[in-house]
Each structure stands twice: as C-alpha cells, then as structure tokens.
Amino acid sequence: MKRREFVSSAAALAAASTLSGSAGSSGGAEVSSLNAPWPLRGSESFAVRSETVGDSLAVGVWQPEAQMLELTGRTTSGPLDLVYVLDGSWALAMAATICRLQLVDLVKPGFPPLLLAGVDYLEDKPNARTRDYTHTDLATPLQAGELPPEQTIGGADKFLRFLEEELDPMIRSRYQVTDRPAGILGDSYGGTFTFHAFRRQSKLFDRYFLGSPGLFDTEVDYIGAVKTLLEGKLVHETKMYLSFGALEANGGVSFYEEMGRNYNGLVSVLNTTPNDRLEFASKMYPGHTHTTILAPAFNDALLYLYGPHLPLA
C-alpha cells in the first residue's frame, strides 16, 4: 500500500452512534443527544455541531462508576481530570478499560479516576479524521479534487479550535472536572494531531500521547519547528509519551518507514533540546506493527501520563 492509498483508506474506519433526540446548546456548541450510550458500559454520548469544522461530531463520555470508586476506597465526590481521546469509536473503550483495570490494581495502587471524552464521527456519516487531524501539507502530493471533502488534508487548526472553543466549554459545563488543562491521546493520524496541538502550544492541554504519529517528509520542517519551540518557554508544565512499533520503522512498508524516520528525528530533538517545562518518555516497541502496538502503547501512555508508577520497561 502506498501513502496515497493509506490516506484515502482512512474513511473506512468505524464511527459512533445514530443521531436522535432534541437539539440544544451548551458552551456555545449545538448539542444533540444520541439514542444510545457509546459502545461502552456506563458512558453517555452526544452529537456536537461545530461551526468551526462545519460538521457534526460524535462525542462519548466515560467516567468510573460510583460503585467502583467506593469499592476502591475513593470518594465519589470531587472533580476529575479530563482526558480527550481521539478516534473515540474504538479508542475510548480501550482507554476506559485500561483506566478501570488500573483503578483496581492492588499491587500498584494509586491510579487516579479520570473523565474521558472520546471524539469521533456519526455512525451514518463519513469518517473525516484525515481532514481534521492533519496539517496542511502532511500528505503531499495530493491533487485538489482527488479526494472527497472529508478525506482532504489540512483541517487540524480548525479541529483544535473546535476542541478549545466549542467542545471543551460544553464538557466542563456538564461534568465535574478540574480546572486544570486536559490530556489528549492520539494514535496514527490522531498522533499527528496531538503533535500539532503541542506544536501550537494549545492552552487546553498539558499531557500528550503521540502514538505512531503520521509525520511525513514535507516542505515544512515541523520537527525543526519543535526544536525552536523547546528553546523557548512552553505554555504549561507538560508531560508527553511517544511510541512507535519497530516493525513500522523497518518492516518494509515505505510510508511507515518514512513515519519511523521522522519519529526518530522528533525523539532526537526532544533528547537534545531539553526544556525545563517538558517531561517525556519514548519507546520503540520490539516486534510491533502499526496495529499491534495500539493496546500496549495506550496502556503505557496512561500509566506514564497519569499513574503514580512508571510503565514496565
């Protein structure tokens, strides 16, 4: 598979639930309820119409059940830290399962309860992660009109504004969360977006997971821009976890190998340009591909970003 085919195949990814219910507004966004929970026990779901993106997105929200918090000796009152999960139609359930398991770890206790907000697309609408998670020249050369609108590149700035100005006010108005910055988890093109949000120094986030980020060779030196950024002052005290599969980097698929070279370049910049406001860890996972890495990397990212104990080496 070539990179162009990879980009156009992104629309095949699954989405969330069917829209129904009455419309309303919260935090400046038009919000509709979905007729069923996200495909995850104990969750809620909404459709949020974004004027910035020009589309409706599906949002699923999960937090630990009160009974689980009571069983683990935690109070059911008090705000939770907020974490956004990209590609939420599958990643929200994965992240919630990891959080559930960490809450009941008797050998290494202390993982905090979190509120997770998964973002994806309505089940009966095209998946538009290629549009929303990428910066303008990510997947060049693509010709104008070659792909339908939901698969064109370059909407990351608009999607970031949607998170900052439309979705986040709605989430914070509806749920008891802390006033601290949120975390964000993203893999593949989701990792491309978390890289973009860090590069933009969004005030919304202070913890980032860059899983197998789709960083390709372009005319813009984005990794060099990160070096310049690190030579200054970051907007927040920040934690970051980066992951990549060894069989992505050297498994013979050209565009994965291109991603791997740029991943290594990014890690090199982070290692050689220390910033007193950034704490980070990176791991190349032996024997793992772009897909097999998902579960272990999500687990390690959540442990590193929020847990009292570091993930296994």
C-alpha atoms as a PDB file:
ATOM      1  CA  MET A   1       0.000   0.000   0.000  1.00  0.00           C
ATOM      2  CA  LYS A   2       1.278   3.452  -0.907  1.00  0.00           C
ATOM      3  CA  ARG A   3       0.863   6.560   1.202  1.00  0.00           C
ATOM      4  CA  ARG A   4      -1.885   7.933  -1.065  1.00  0.00           C
ATOM      5  CA  GLU A   5      -3.889   4.731  -0.661  1.00  0.00           C
ATOM      6  CA  PHE A   6      -3.320   4.905   3.099  1.00  0.00           C
ATOM      7  CA  VAL A   7      -4.735   8.434   3.223  1.00  0.00           C
ATOM      8  CA  SER A   8      -7.804   7.577   1.171  1.00  0.00           C
ATOM      9  CA  SER A   9      -8.461   4.381   3.159  1.00  0.00           C
ATOM     10  CA  ALA A  10      -8.916   6.335   6.388  1.00  0.00           C
ATOM     11  CA  ALA A  11     -12.607   6.775   5.599  1.00  0.00           C
ATOM     12  CA  ALA A  12     -13.116   3.063   6.188  1.00  0.00           C
ATOM     13  CA  LEU A  13     -12.648   3.419   9.945  1.00  0.00           C
ATOM     14  CA  ALA A  14     -15.741   2.939  12.075  1.00  0.00           C
ATOM     15  CA  ALA A  15     -17.655   5.749  13.773  1.00  0.00           C
ATOM     16  CA  ALA A  16     -20.032   6.165  16.699  1.00  0.00           C
ATOM     17  CA  SER A  17     -23.840   6.015  17.081  1.00  0.00           C
ATOM     18  CA  THR A  18     -27.024   7.134  15.314  1.00  0.00           C
ATOM     19  CA  LEU A  19     -28.270  10.669  15.945  1.00  0.00           C
ATOM     20  CA  SER A  20     -31.570  11.274  17.626  1.00  0.00           C
ATOM     21  CA  GLY A  21     -33.063  13.311  20.428  1.00  0.00           C
ATOM     22  CA  SER A  22     -33.692  17.005  20.848  1.00  0.00           C
ATOM     23  CA  ALA A  23     -31.221  19.717  19.997  1.00  0.00           C
ATOM     24  CA  GLY A  24     -29.847  22.169  22.499  1.00  0.00           C
ATOM     25  CA  SER A  25     -26.771  24.214  23.166  1.00  0.00           C
ATOM     26  CA  SER A  26     -24.033  24.201  25.772  1.00  0.00           C
ATOM     27  CA  GLY A  27     -20.810  26.168  25.865  1.00  0.00           C
ATOM     28  CA  GLY A  28     -21.626  27.787  22.522  1.00  0.00           C
ATOM     29  CA  ALA A  29     -21.982  24.476  20.655  1.00  0.00           C
ATOM     30  CA  GLU A  30     -25.194  22.936  19.355  1.00  0.00           C
ATOM     31  CA  VAL A  31     -25.587  19.618  21.160  1.00  0.00           C
ATOM     32  CA  SER A  32     -27.929  16.702  20.442  1.00  0.00           C
ATOM     33  CA  SER A  33     -28.261  13.525  22.457  1.00  0.00           C
ATOM     34  CA  LEU A  34     -27.637  10.162  20.806  1.00  0.00           C
ATOM     35  CA  ASN A  35     -30.199   7.429  21.214  1.00  0.00           C
ATOM     36  CA  ALA A  36     -27.826   5.011  22.951  1.00  0.00           C
ATOM     37  CA  PRO A  37     -24.687   5.025  25.047  1.00  0.00           C
ATOM     38  CA  TRP A  38     -21.343   4.966  23.301  1.00  0.00           C
ATOM     39  CA  PRO A  39     -20.455   1.279  22.755  1.00  0.00           C
ATOM     40  CA  LEU A  40     -19.150   1.227  26.329  1.00  0.00           C
ATOM     41  CA  ARG A  41     -20.943   0.458  29.567  1.00  0.00           C
ATOM     42  CA  GLY A  42     -21.530   3.474  31.779  1.00  0.00           C
ATOM     43  CA  SER A  43     -20.951   6.035  29.042  1.00  0.00           C
ATOM     44  CA  GLU A  44     -23.010   8.867  27.574  1.00  0.00           C
ATOM     45  CA  SER A  45     -22.958  10.187  24.030  1.00  0.00           C
ATOM     46  CA  PHE A  46     -23.744  13.367  22.136  1.00  0.00           C
ATOM     47  CA  ALA A  47     -23.652  14.792  18.653  1.00  0.00           C
ATOM     48  CA  VAL A  48     -21.999  18.203  18.645  1.00  0.00           C
ATOM     49  CA  ARG A  49     -22.437  20.521  15.693  1.00  0.00           C
ATOM     50  CA  SER A  50     -19.248  22.501  15.117  1.00  0.00           C
ATOM     51  CA  GLU A  51     -19.446  25.787  13.286  1.00  0.00           C
ATOM     52  CA  THR A  52     -15.653  25.864  13.139  1.00  0.00           C
ATOM     53  CA  VAL A  53     -15.266  22.464  11.479  1.00  0.00           C
ATOM     54  CA  GLY A  54     -18.545  22.754   9.573  1.00  0.00           C
ATOM     55  CA  ASP A  55     -19.677  19.272  10.564  1.00  0.00           C
ATOM     56  CA  SER A  56     -21.312  17.296  13.359  1.00  0.00           C
ATOM     57  CA  LEU A  57     -19.094  15.114  15.502  1.00  0.00           C
ATOM     58  CA  ALA A  58     -19.893  12.301  17.900  1.00  0.00           C
ATOM     59  CA  VAL A  59     -18.696  12.627  21.488  1.00  0.00           C
ATOM     60  CA  GLY A  60     -18.707   9.817  24.049  1.00  0.00           C
ATOM     61  CA  VAL A  61     -18.025  10.479  27.741  1.00  0.00           C
ATOM     62  CA  TRP A  62     -16.968   7.893  30.335  1.00  0.00           C
ATOM     63  CA  GLN A  63     -16.069   8.163  33.986  1.00  0.00           C
ATOM     64  CA  PRO A  64     -15.678   5.475  36.667  1.00  0.00           C
ATOM     65  CA  GLU A  65     -18.924   4.282  38.179  1.00  0.00           C
ATOM     66  CA  ALA A  66     -19.613   5.436  41.730  1.00  0.00           C
ATOM     67  CA  GLN A  67     -19.698   1.809  42.890  1.00  0.00           C
ATOM     68  CA  MET A  68     -16.185   1.214  41.538  1.00  0.00           C
ATOM     69  CA  LEU A  69     -14.865   4.285  43.325  1.00  0.00           C
ATOM     70  CA  GLU A  70     -16.485   3.146  46.563  1.00  0.00           C
ATOM     71  CA  LEU A  71     -15.014  -0.359  46.232  1.00  0.00           C
ATOM     72  CA  THR A  72     -11.550   1.098  45.767  1.00  0.00           C
ATOM     73  CA  GLY A  73     -11.923   3.340  48.801  1.00  0.00           C
ATOM     74  CA  ARG A  74     -12.161   6.576  46.829  1.00  0.00           C
ATOM     75  CA  THR A  75     -14.684   9.293  47.398  1.00  0.00           C
ATOM     76  CA  THR A  76     -17.366   9.716  44.764  1.00  0.00           C
ATOM     77  CA  SER A  77     -17.239  13.482  45.148  1.00  0.00           C
ATOM     78  CA  GLY A  78     -14.706  15.892  43.729  1.00  0.00           C
ATOM     79  CA  PRO A  79     -13.750  16.825  40.194  1.00  0.00           C
ATOM     80  CA  LEU A  80     -11.830  14.513  37.858  1.00  0.00           C
ATOM     81  CA  ASP A  81      -9.029  15.323  35.469  1.00  0.00           C
ATOM     82  CA  LEU A  82     -10.256  15.467  31.866  1.00  0.00           C
ATOM     83  CA  VAL A  83      -8.678  13.490  29.013  1.00  0.00           C
ATOM     84  CA  TYR A  84      -9.678  13.743  25.337  1.00  0.00           C
ATOM     85  CA  VAL A  85      -9.430  10.542  23.291  1.00  0.00           C
ATOM     86  CA  LEU A  86      -9.222  10.831  19.500  1.00  0.00           C
ATOM     87  CA  ASP A  87     -10.720   8.112  17.261  1.00  0.00           C
ATOM     88  CA  GLY A  88     -13.068   7.569  20.161  1.00  0.00           C
ATOM     89  CA  SER A  89     -15.296   4.995  18.417  1.00  0.00           C
ATOM     90  CA  TRP A  90     -12.645   2.393  19.273  1.00  0.00           C
ATOM     91  CA  ALA A  91     -10.072   4.184  21.443  1.00  0.00           C
ATOM     92  CA  LEU A  92     -12.470   5.373  24.162  1.00  0.00           C
ATOM     93  CA  ALA A  93     -13.385   1.811  25.136  1.00  0.00           C
ATOM     94  CA  MET A  94      -9.713   0.811  25.134  1.00  0.00           C
ATOM     95  CA  ALA A  95      -8.705   3.766  27.301  1.00  0.00           C
ATOM     96  CA  ALA A  96     -11.647   3.235  29.676  1.00  0.00           C
ATOM     97  CA  THR A  97     -10.788  -0.452  30.100  1.00  0.00           C
ATOM     98  CA  ILE A  98      -7.203   0.432  30.966  1.00  0.00           C
ATOM     99  CA  CYS A  99      -8.403   3.036  33.480  1.00  0.00           C
ATOM    100  CA  ARG A 100     -10.810   0.550  35.059  1.00  0.00           C
ATOM    101  CA  LEU A 101      -8.052  -2.030  35.481  1.00  0.00           C
ATOM    102  CA  GLN A 102      -5.605   0.468  36.930  1.00  0.00           C
ATOM    103  CA  LEU A 103      -8.166   1.632  39.483  1.00  0.00           C
ATOM    104  CA  VAL A 104      -8.343  -1.878  40.985  1.00  0.00           C
ATOM    105  CA  ASP A 105      -4.619  -2.704  40.875  1.00  0.00           C
ATOM    106  CA  LEU A 106      -3.861  -3.980  44.392  1.00  0.00           C
ATOM    107  CA  VAL A 107      -0.108  -4.345  43.874  1.00  0.00           C
ATOM    108  CA  LYS A 108       0.472  -0.879  42.396  1.00  0.00           C
ATOM    109  CA  PRO A 109      -2.456   1.228  43.607  1.00  0.00           C
ATOM    110  CA  GLY A 110      -2.900   4.956  43.211  1.00  0.00           C
ATOM    111  CA  PHE A 111      -4.057   5.475  39.626  1.00  0.00           C
ATOM    112  CA  PRO A 112      -6.488   8.440  39.661  1.00  0.00           C
ATOM    113  CA  PRO A 113     -10.061   8.333  38.371  1.00  0.00           C
ATOM    114  CA  LEU A 114     -10.310  10.213  35.083  1.00  0.00           C
ATOM    115  CA  LEU A 115     -13.115  11.543  32.909  1.00  0.00           C
ATOM    116  CA  LEU A 116     -12.569  10.500  29.297  1.00  0.00           C
ATOM    117  CA  ALA A 117     -14.161  12.308  26.348  1.00  0.00           C
ATOM    118  CA  GLY A 118     -13.908  10.406  23.083  1.00  0.00           C
ATOM    119  CA  VAL A 119     -14.322  12.282  19.808  1.00  0.00           C
ATOM    120  CA  ASP A 120     -15.262  10.661  16.503  1.00  0.00           C
ATOM    121  CA  TYR A 121     -17.873  10.871  13.722  1.00  0.00           C
ATOM    122  CA  LEU A 122     -21.550   9.976  13.498  1.00  0.00           C
ATOM    123  CA  GLU A 123     -22.151   6.368  12.536  1.00  0.00           C
ATOM    124  CA  ASP A 124     -24.031   7.209   9.357  1.00  0.00           C
ATOM    125  CA  LYS A 125     -21.569   9.905   8.240  1.00  0.00           C
ATOM    126  CA  PRO A 126     -18.121   9.676   6.610  1.00  0.00           C
ATOM    127  CA  ASN A 127     -15.098   9.371   8.853  1.00  0.00           C
ATOM    128  CA  ALA A 128     -13.196  12.656   8.471  1.00  0.00           C
ATOM    129  CA  ARG A 129     -10.073  12.111  10.588  1.00  0.00           C
ATOM    130  CA  THR A 130      -7.903  12.733   7.516  1.00  0.00           C
ATOM    131  CA  ARG A 131      -9.485  16.183   7.242  1.00  0.00           C
ATOM    132  CA  ASP A 132      -9.422  17.060  10.937  1.00  0.00           C
ATOM    133  CA  TYR A 133      -6.206  15.556  12.295  1.00  0.00           C
ATOM    134  CA  THR A 134      -3.715  16.757   9.674  1.00  0.00           C
ATOM    135  CA  HIS A 135      -1.782  19.929   8.991  1.00  0.00           C
ATOM    136  CA  THR A 136      -1.907  21.481   5.578  1.00  0.00           C
ATOM    137  CA  ASP A 137       0.912  19.709   3.740  1.00  0.00           C
ATOM    138  CA  LEU A 138       1.001  16.443   5.672  1.00  0.00           C
ATOM    139  CA  ALA A 139       0.310  14.029   2.856  1.00  0.00           C
ATOM    140  CA  THR A 140       1.573  15.853  -0.224  1.00  0.00           C
ATOM    141  CA  PRO A 141       1.440  15.352  -3.092  1.00  0.00           C
ATOM    142  CA  LEU A 142      -2.328  15.045  -3.266  1.00  0.00           C
ATOM    143  CA  GLN A 143      -4.090  16.799  -6.101  1.00  0.00           C
ATOM    144  CA  ALA A 144      -7.014  19.157  -5.484  1.00  0.00           C
ATOM    145  CA  GLY A 145     -10.289  17.355  -6.040  1.00  0.00           C
ATOM    146  CA  GLU A 146      -8.683  13.939  -5.819  1.00  0.00           C
ATOM    147  CA  LEU A 147     -10.426  13.080  -2.556  1.00  0.00           C
ATOM    148  CA  PRO A 148     -13.892  13.887  -1.185  1.00  0.00           C
ATOM    149  CA  PRO A 149     -14.040  16.753   1.333  1.00  0.00           C
ATOM    150  CA  GLU A 150     -13.953  14.525   4.415  1.00  0.00           C
ATOM    151  CA  GLN A 151     -10.682  12.978   3.230  1.00  0.00           C
ATOM    152  CA  THR A 152      -8.839  16.133   2.250  1.00  0.00           C
ATOM    153  CA  ILE A 153      -5.975  17.234   4.439  1.00  0.00           C
ATOM    154  CA  GLY A 154      -5.209  20.338   6.447  1.00  0.00           C
ATOM    155  CA  GLY A 155      -8.015  20.891   8.975  1.00  0.00           C
ATOM    156  CA  ALA A 156      -6.025  20.488  12.207  1.00  0.00           C
ATOM    157  CA  ASP A 157      -6.200  24.167  13.152  1.00  0.00           C
ATOM    158  CA  LYS A 158      -9.988  24.187  12.757  1.00  0.00           C
ATOM    159  CA  PHE A 159     -10.328  20.958  14.743  1.00  0.00           C
ATOM    160  CA  LEU A 160      -8.138  22.385  17.502  1.00  0.00           C
ATOM    161  CA  ARG A 161     -10.389  25.440  17.692  1.00  0.00           C
ATOM    162  CA  PHE A 162     -13.404  23.117  17.898  1.00  0.00           C
ATOM    163  CA  LEU A 163     -11.869  21.367  20.905  1.00  0.00           C
ATOM    164  CA  GLU A 164     -10.802  24.591  22.597  1.00  0.00           C
ATOM    165  CA  GLU A 165     -13.786  26.846  21.917  1.00  0.00           C
ATOM    166  CA  GLU A 166     -16.784  24.554  21.368  1.00  0.00           C
ATOM    167  CA  LEU A 167     -16.349  21.099  22.865  1.00  0.00           C
ATOM    168  CA  ASP A 168     -14.314  21.855  25.972  1.00  0.00           C
ATOM    169  CA  PRO A 169     -16.721  24.508  27.315  1.00  0.00           C
ATOM    170  CA  MET A 170     -19.586  22.045  26.783  1.00  0.00           C
ATOM    171  CA  ILE A 171     -17.791  19.208  28.610  1.00  0.00           C
ATOM    172  CA  ARG A 172     -16.774  21.433  31.515  1.00  0.00           C
ATOM    173  CA  SER A 173     -20.313  22.803  31.868  1.00  0.00           C
ATOM    174  CA  ARG A 174     -21.859  19.314  32.016  1.00  0.00           C
ATOM    175  CA  TYR A 175     -19.363  17.337  34.088  1.00  0.00           C
ATOM    176  CA  GLN A 176     -17.488  17.811  37.322  1.00  0.00           C
ATOM    177  CA  VAL A 177     -13.906  18.136  36.129  1.00  0.00           C
ATOM    178  CA  THR A 178     -10.923  20.016  37.474  1.00  0.00           C
ATOM    179  CA  ASP A 179      -9.961  23.406  36.117  1.00  0.00           C
ATOM    180  CA  ARG A 180      -6.566  22.044  35.122  1.00  0.00           C
ATOM    181  CA  PRO A 181      -5.596  21.609  31.474  1.00  0.00           C
ATOM    182  CA  ALA A 182      -6.751  18.395  29.810  1.00  0.00           C
ATOM    183  CA  GLY A 183      -4.790  15.490  28.446  1.00  0.00           C
ATOM    184  CA  ILE A 184      -5.104  14.213  24.875  1.00  0.00           C
ATOM    185  CA  LEU A 185      -4.499  10.721  23.481  1.00  0.00           C
ATOM    186  CA  GLY A 186      -3.975  10.148  19.768  1.00  0.00           C
ATOM    187  CA  ASP A 187      -2.626   7.348  17.595  1.00  0.00           C
ATOM    188  CA  SER A 188      -1.599   7.365  13.918  1.00  0.00           C
ATOM    189  CA  TYR A 189      -3.331  10.430  12.439  1.00  0.00           C
ATOM    190  CA  GLY A 190      -4.522  11.015  16.000  1.00  0.00           C
ATOM    191  CA  GLY A 191      -0.843  11.192  16.946  1.00  0.00           C
ATOM    192  CA  THR A 192      -0.338  13.625  14.090  1.00  0.00           C
ATOM    193  CA  PHE A 193      -2.960  15.847  15.687  1.00  0.00           C
ATOM    194  CA  THR A 194      -1.521  15.618  19.207  1.00  0.00           C
ATOM    195  CA  PHE A 195       1.836  16.604  17.709  1.00  0.00           C
ATOM    196  CA  HIS A 196       0.091  19.541  16.021  1.00  0.00           C
ATOM    197  CA  ALA A 197      -1.620  20.638  19.245  1.00  0.00           C
ATOM    198  CA  PHE A 198       1.716  20.546  21.108  1.00  0.00           C
ATOM    199  CA  ARG A 199       3.433  22.478  18.323  1.00  0.00           C
ATOM    200  CA  ARG A 200       0.655  25.084  18.506  1.00  0.00           C
ATOM    201  CA  GLN A 201       1.079  25.178  22.306  1.00  0.00           C
ATOM    202  CA  SER A 202      -2.639  24.925  22.936  1.00  0.00           C
ATOM    203  CA  LYS A 203      -3.544  26.158  26.397  1.00  0.00           C
ATOM    204  CA  LEU A 204      -6.114  23.368  26.605  1.00  0.00           C
ATOM    205  CA  PHE A 205      -3.578  20.529  27.000  1.00  0.00           C
ATOM    206  CA  ASP A 206      -0.671  19.725  29.255  1.00  0.00           C
ATOM    207  CA  ARG A 207      -0.376  15.932  28.708  1.00  0.00           C
ATOM    208  CA  TYR A 208       0.082  14.369  25.291  1.00  0.00           C
ATOM    209  CA  PHE A 209       0.209  10.861  23.842  1.00  0.00           C
ATOM    210  CA  LEU A 210       1.808  10.693  20.386  1.00  0.00           C
ATOM    211  CA  GLY A 211       1.203   7.114  19.260  1.00  0.00           C
ATOM    212  CA  SER A 212       2.835   6.198  15.920  1.00  0.00           C
ATOM    213  CA  PRO A 213       2.334   9.775  14.707  1.00  0.00           C
ATOM    214  CA  GLY A 214       1.829  10.176  10.962  1.00  0.00           C
ATOM    215  CA  LEU A 215       4.753  12.526  10.341  1.00  0.00           C
ATOM    216  CA  PHE A 216       5.845  12.564   6.710  1.00  0.00           C
ATOM    217  CA  ASP A 217       8.508  14.401   4.735  1.00  0.00           C
ATOM    218  CA  THR A 218       7.062  17.760   3.672  1.00  0.00           C
ATOM    219  CA  GLU A 219       8.316  21.139   2.545  1.00  0.00           C
ATOM    220  CA  VAL A 220       7.843  22.438   6.098  1.00  0.00           C
ATOM    221  CA  ASP A 221      10.359  21.321   8.730  1.00  0.00           C
ATOM    222  CA  TYR A 222       7.871  20.652  11.512  1.00  0.00           C
ATOM    223  CA  ILE A 223      10.407  18.814  13.657  1.00  0.00           C
ATOM    224  CA  GLY A 224      12.819  21.725  13.341  1.00  0.00           C
ATOM    225  CA  ALA A 225       9.968  23.968  14.498  1.00  0.00           C
ATOM    226  CA  VAL A 226       9.664  21.822  17.634  1.00  0.00           C
ATOM    227  CA  LYS A 227      13.361  22.383  18.335  1.00  0.00           C
ATOM    228  CA  THR A 228      12.807  26.131  18.138  1.00  0.00           C
ATOM    229  CA  LEU A 229       9.760  25.782  20.373  1.00  0.00           C
ATOM    230  CA  LEU A 230      11.735  23.861  23.002  1.00  0.00           C
ATOM    231  CA  GLU A 231      14.362  26.575  23.077  1.00  0.00           C
ATOM    232  CA  GLY A 232      11.694  28.913  24.460  1.00  0.00           C
ATOM    233  CA  LYS A 233       9.137  28.663  27.272  1.00  0.00           C
ATOM    234  CA  LEU A 234       6.245  26.218  26.977  1.00  0.00           C
ATOM    235  CA  VAL A 235       2.744  27.355  27.875  1.00  0.00           C
ATOM    236  CA  HIS A 236       2.363  24.653  30.582  1.00  0.00           C
ATOM    237  CA  GLU A 237       4.386  22.224  32.615  1.00  0.00           C
ATOM    238  CA  THR A 238       3.957  19.338  30.171  1.00  0.00           C
ATOM    239  CA  LYS A 239       4.221  15.546  30.076  1.00  0.00           C
ATOM    240  CA  MET A 240       4.463  13.613  26.815  1.00  0.00           C
ATOM    241  CA  TYR A 241       4.603   9.933  25.891  1.00  0.00           C
ATOM    242  CA  LEU A 242       5.670   8.811  22.410  1.00  0.00           C
ATOM    243  CA  SER A 243       5.503   5.303  20.937  1.00  0.00           C
ATOM    244  CA  PHE A 244       6.334   3.529  17.705  1.00  0.00           C
ATOM    245  CA  GLY A 245       6.447  -0.090  16.565  1.00  0.00           C
ATOM    246  CA  ALA A 246       9.802  -1.492  15.451  1.00  0.00           C
ATOM    247  CA  LEU A 247       8.104  -3.281  12.548  1.00  0.00           C
ATOM    248  CA  GLU A 248       6.590   0.010  11.475  1.00  0.00           C
ATOM    249  CA  ALA A 249      10.043   1.537  11.317  1.00  0.00           C
ATOM    250  CA  ASN A 250      11.728  -1.322   9.445  1.00  0.00           C
ATOM    251  CA  GLY A 251       9.027  -3.695   8.221  1.00  0.00           C
ATOM    252  CA  GLY A 252       9.323  -2.882   4.536  1.00  0.00           C
ATOM    253  CA  VAL A 253       6.262  -0.600   4.139  1.00  0.00           C
ATOM    254  CA  SER A 254       7.674   2.622   2.716  1.00  0.00           C
ATOM    255  CA  PHE A 255       5.310   5.186   4.241  1.00  0.00           C
ATOM    256  CA  TYR A 256       5.536   3.553   7.695  1.00  0.00           C
ATOM    257  CA  GLU A 257       9.317   3.664   7.397  1.00  0.00           C
ATOM    258  CA  GLU A 258       9.078   7.338   6.466  1.00  0.00           C
ATOM    259  CA  MET A 259       6.985   7.882   9.585  1.00  0.00           C
ATOM    260  CA  GLY A 260       9.601   5.980  11.585  1.00  0.00           C
ATOM    261  CA  ARG A 261      12.439   8.175  10.361  1.00  0.00           C
ATOM    262  CA  ASN A 262      10.539  11.301  11.336  1.00  0.00           C
ATOM    263  CA  TYR A 263       9.543   9.775  14.681  1.00  0.00           C
ATOM    264  CA  ASN A 264      13.206   9.121  15.431  1.00  0.00           C
ATOM    265  CA  GLY A 265      14.027  12.661  14.344  1.00  0.00           C
ATOM    266  CA  LEU A 266      11.415  14.044  16.740  1.00  0.00           C
ATOM    267  CA  VAL A 267      12.694  11.935  19.645  1.00  0.00           C
ATOM    268  CA  SER A 268      16.242  13.079  18.856  1.00  0.00           C
ATOM    269  CA  VAL A 269      15.145  16.718  19.059  1.00  0.00           C
ATOM    270  CA  LEU A 270      13.410  16.078  22.381  1.00  0.00           C
ATOM    271  CA  ASN A 271      16.527  14.383  23.750  1.00  0.00           C
ATOM    272  CA  THR A 272      18.973  17.030  22.562  1.00  0.00           C
ATOM    273  CA  THR A 273      16.882  20.125  23.326  1.00  0.00           C
ATOM    274  CA  PRO A 274      15.824  19.795  26.970  1.00  0.00           C
ATOM    275  CA  ASN A 275      13.170  22.135  28.277  1.00  0.00           C
ATOM    276  CA  ASP A 276      12.589  22.551  31.993  1.00  0.00           C
ATOM    277  CA  ARG A 277       8.804  22.527  31.444  1.00  0.00           C
ATOM    278  CA  LEU A 278       8.729  19.251  29.480  1.00  0.00           C
ATOM    279  CA  GLU A 279       8.963  15.734  30.880  1.00  0.00           C
ATOM    280  CA  PHE A 280       8.734  12.987  28.271  1.00  0.00           C
ATOM    281  CA  ALA A 281       9.351   9.324  27.599  1.00  0.00           C
ATOM    282  CA  SER A 282       9.531   7.438  24.317  1.00  0.00           C
ATOM    283  CA  LYS A 283       9.542   3.748  23.466  1.00  0.00           C
ATOM    284  CA  MET A 284      10.170   1.751  20.315  1.00  0.00           C
ATOM    285  CA  TYR A 285       8.172  -1.468  20.777  1.00  0.00           C
ATOM    286  CA  PRO A 286      10.095  -4.528  19.513  1.00  0.00           C
ATOM    287  CA  GLY A 287       8.173  -6.764  17.108  1.00  0.00           C
ATOM    288  CA  HIS A 288       5.127  -4.491  16.911  1.00  0.00           C
ATOM    289  CA  THR A 289       3.360  -3.164  13.835  1.00  0.00           C
ATOM    290  CA  HIS A 290       1.136  -0.123  13.337  1.00  0.00           C
ATOM    291  CA  THR A 291      -1.844  -2.096  14.646  1.00  0.00           C
ATOM    292  CA  THR A 292      -0.439  -4.495  17.260  1.00  0.00           C
ATOM    293  CA  ILE A 293       1.139  -1.606  19.131  1.00  0.00           C
ATOM    294  CA  LEU A 294      -2.200   0.018  19.979  1.00  0.00           C
ATOM    295  CA  ALA A 295      -3.113  -1.742  23.228  1.00  0.00           C
ATOM    296  CA  PRO A 296       0.327  -1.810  24.908  1.00  0.00           C
ATOM    297  CA  ALA A 297       1.110   1.765  23.888  1.00  0.00           C
ATOM    298  CA  PHE A 298      -2.224   3.138  25.159  1.00  0.00           C
ATOM    299  CA  ASN A 299      -1.665   1.306  28.447  1.00  0.00           C
ATOM    300  CA  ASP A 300       1.848   2.666  28.878  1.00  0.00           C
ATOM    301  CA  ALA A 301       0.814   6.178  27.867  1.00  0.00           C
ATOM    302  CA  LEU A 302      -1.923   6.367  30.504  1.00  0.00           C
ATOM    303  CA  LEU A 303       0.411   4.949  33.163  1.00  0.00           C
ATOM    304  CA  TYR A 304       3.144   7.418  32.300  1.00  0.00           C
ATOM    305  CA  LEU A 305       0.905  10.467  31.978  1.00  0.00           C
ATOM    306  CA  TYR A 306      -1.359   9.855  34.985  1.00  0.00           C
ATOM    307  CA  GLY A 307      -0.201   6.930  37.081  1.00  0.00           C
ATOM    308  CA  PRO A 308       1.938   7.048  40.217  1.00  0.00           C
ATOM    309  CA  HIS A 309       4.086   4.254  38.759  1.00  0.00           C
ATOM    310  CA  LEU A 310       6.014   4.174  35.506  1.00  0.00           C
ATOM    311  CA  PRO A 311       5.038   1.574  32.880  1.00  0.00           C
ATOM    312  CA  LEU A 312       7.159  -1.532  32.514  1.00  0.00           C
ATOM    313  CA  ALA A 313      10.404  -1.026  30.623  1.00  0.00           C
END
